[in-house]
Amino acid sequence: MTSPSADIAVVGAGILGLATAFELQRRGARVTLYETGRPGQGQSAGQSRIFRHAHADPRLVDYAVTARGIWREWS
């Protein structure tokens, strides 16, 4: 068995996993990204999105409502 060639492993190549891997790599880390399917096709797609509306700051509620509307247009 060989020694690992990455500093960090990111599991899942959805939008969060890809963004995390990108940022870590941009900062100089050696990153290995693991995904069972095509990147962006797992939890990054479909009807499983959660838009949290319970914020103390009304601006965040407005952002969430807007984001949800845009998501519905895209899906």
Protein backbone atom coordinates (compact mmCIF):
# COMPACT_ATOMS: atom_id res chain seq x y z
CA MET A 1 0.00 0.00 0.00
CA THR A 2 1.31 3.45 -0.89
CA SER A 3 1.18 6.51 1.31
CA PRO A 4 -1.66 8.97 0.65
CA SER A 5 -0.93 11.70 -1.87
CA ALA A 6 -3.46 14.14 -0.39
CA ASP A 7 -3.55 16.24 2.74
CA ILE A 8 -7.34 16.26 2.85
CA ALA A 9 -10.11 13.99 1.56
CA VAL A 10 -13.44 15.55 0.61
CA VAL A 11 -16.33 13.10 0.38
CA GLY A 12 -19.06 14.14 -2.03
CA ALA A 13 -18.76 16.15 -5.24
CA GLY A 14 -21.93 18.16 -4.90
CA ILE A 15 -21.74 21.93 -4.91
CA LEU A 16 -20.46 22.07 -1.33
CA GLY A 17 -17.88 19.34 -1.81
CA LEU A 18 -16.62 20.86 -5.04
CA ALA A 19 -16.46 24.36 -3.53
CA THR A 20 -14.66 23.01 -0.46
CA ALA A 21 -12.13 21.08 -2.54
CA PHE A 22 -11.56 24.09 -4.78
CA GLU A 23 -10.94 26.46 -1.88
CA LEU A 24 -8.67 24.04 -0.04
CA GLN A 25 -6.67 23.45 -3.19
CA ARG A 26 -6.50 27.19 -3.85
CA ARG A 27 -4.98 27.57 -0.39
CA GLY A 28 -2.28 25.01 -1.17
CA ALA A 29 -3.72 21.76 0.23
CA ARG A 30 -3.44 18.54 -1.75
CA VAL A 31 -7.07 17.39 -2.02
CA THR A 32 -8.61 14.10 -3.10
CA LEU A 33 -12.32 14.29 -3.92
CA TYR A 34 -14.45 11.12 -3.63
CA GLU A 35 -17.80 10.71 -5.36
CA THR A 36 -19.80 7.60 -6.21
CA GLY A 37 -21.46 9.09 -9.31
CA ARG A 38 -21.04 12.02 -11.63
CA PRO A 39 -20.00 15.22 -9.82
CA GLY A 40 -22.96 17.49 -9.18
CA GLN A 41 -25.56 14.78 -9.84
CA GLY A 42 -26.13 13.45 -6.33
CA GLN A 43 -27.51 15.67 -3.61
CA SER A 44 -26.68 18.71 -5.72
CA ALA A 45 -29.67 17.87 -7.88
CA GLY A 46 -33.29 17.01 -7.28
CA GLN A 47 -35.96 18.05 -4.83
CA SER A 48 -33.99 17.55 -1.61
CA ARG A 49 -33.00 21.21 -1.15
CA ILE A 50 -33.66 22.83 2.19
CA PHE A 51 -34.06 26.60 2.32
CA ARG A 52 -33.92 27.68 5.95
CA HIS A 53 -36.37 30.49 6.66
CA ALA A 54 -35.97 30.72 10.46
CA HIS A 55 -33.49 33.60 10.73
CA ALA A 56 -33.39 36.41 13.26
CA ASP A 57 -32.25 38.81 10.54
CA PRO A 58 -35.14 39.57 8.15
CA ARG A 59 -32.68 40.13 5.31
CA LEU A 60 -31.64 36.47 5.52
CA VAL A 61 -35.29 35.40 5.32
CA ASP A 62 -35.66 37.52 2.17
CA TYR A 63 -32.53 35.93 0.67
CA ALA A 64 -33.83 32.43 1.42
CA VAL A 65 -37.23 33.19 -0.14
CA THR A 66 -35.55 34.62 -3.24
CA ALA A 67 -33.16 31.66 -3.51
CA ARG A 68 -36.04 29.21 -3.22
CA GLY A 69 -37.92 30.96 -6.02
CA ILE A 70 -34.86 30.89 -8.27
CA TRP A 71 -34.29 27.19 -7.46
CA ARG A 72 -37.89 26.40 -8.48
CA GLU A 73 -37.38 28.23 -11.79
CA TRP A 74 -34.20 26.24 -12.50
CA SER A 75 -35.61 22.83 -11.53
